[in-house]
Amino acid sequence: MLGDRIAVDIGYLGKDYTNLPLYMEIWEIEDKEFFLEIINWLDSRAIKKSAETMKRERDKLKRK
C-alpha cells in the first residue's frame, strides 16, 4: 500500500505518505488523528530498528 523510502547510506526513512489521503478515504477512516498516531508509532519503530541494524552492520565492517 504505502511505499517505503530508503536511502543507501541511511537505510529505512519511513513510509511514503503521498497516497495516504486517498487510502483513508477508500478505507473510510473516521478517527483520522488516532489512525495517524498509530501509523506514526509503527513507522518510528521501524525506522529505529533499521538504524540499529545499519549501525550494527557498519560496526562489523569496521572491525574487519
Protein backbone atom coordinates (compact mmCIF):
# COMPACT_ATOMS: atom_id res chain seq x y z
CA MET A 1 0.00 0.00 0.00
CA LEU A 2 2.26 2.76 1.25
CA GLY A 3 5.71 2.55 -0.27
CA ASP A 4 8.92 2.62 1.72
CA ARG A 5 11.51 5.40 1.48
CA ILE A 6 15.04 4.02 1.66
CA ALA A 7 18.41 5.74 1.34
CA VAL A 8 21.55 3.72 0.62
CA ASP A 9 23.71 5.22 3.39
CA ILE A 10 20.96 5.73 5.94
CA GLY A 11 18.57 2.82 5.48
CA TYR A 12 14.84 2.94 6.04
CA LEU A 13 13.50 6.50 6.22
CA GLY A 14 9.82 5.76 6.68
CA LYS A 15 6.70 5.35 4.66
CA ASP A 16 5.78 7.41 1.62
CA TYR A 17 2.55 9.16 2.67
CA THR A 18 1.78 10.60 -0.77
CA ASN A 19 -1.35 8.49 -1.27
CA LEU A 20 -2.44 8.39 2.37
CA PRO A 21 -5.47 10.72 1.98
CA LEU A 22 -6.75 8.54 -0.86
CA TYR A 23 -6.36 5.34 1.18
CA MET A 24 -8.01 6.94 4.20
CA GLU A 25 -10.99 7.83 2.02
CA ILE A 26 -11.18 4.36 0.46
CA TRP A 27 -10.94 2.63 3.85
CA GLU A 28 -13.41 5.15 5.33
CA ILE A 29 -11.18 6.00 8.30
CA GLU A 30 -13.27 8.05 10.73
CA ASP A 31 -10.80 8.78 13.53
CA LYS A 32 -8.00 10.21 11.40
CA GLU A 33 -5.98 11.55 14.32
CA PHE A 34 -5.85 8.15 16.04
CA PHE A 35 -5.06 6.41 12.74
CA LEU A 36 -2.14 8.77 12.05
CA GLU A 37 -0.88 8.34 15.59
CA ILE A 38 -0.77 4.55 15.14
CA ILE A 39 0.96 4.80 11.76
CA ASN A 40 3.48 7.26 13.18
CA TRP A 41 4.23 4.96 16.13
CA LEU A 42 4.70 1.91 13.87
CA ASP A 43 6.85 3.89 11.45
CA SER A 44 9.09 5.27 14.20
CA ARG A 45 9.71 1.74 15.50
CA ALA A 46 10.63 0.53 12.01
CA ILE A 47 12.99 3.49 11.48
CA LYS A 48 14.68 2.84 14.84
CA LYS A 49 15.11 -0.86 14.06
CA SER A 50 16.56 -0.07 10.63
CA ALA A 51 19.02 2.44 12.11
CA GLU A 52 20.17 -0.08 14.70
CA THR A 53 20.66 -2.75 12.03
CA MET A 54 22.61 -0.38 9.79
CA LYS A 55 24.83 0.65 12.72
CA ARG A 56 25.46 -2.98 13.69
CA GLU A 57 26.42 -3.89 10.11
CA ARG A 58 28.66 -0.82 9.78
CA ASP A 59 30.43 -1.72 13.02
CA LYS A 60 31.00 -5.27 11.74
CA LEU A 61 32.63 -3.90 8.61
CA LYS A 62 34.88 -1.56 10.60
CA ARG A 63 36.16 -4.44 12.75
CA LYS A 64 37.39 -6.42 9.73
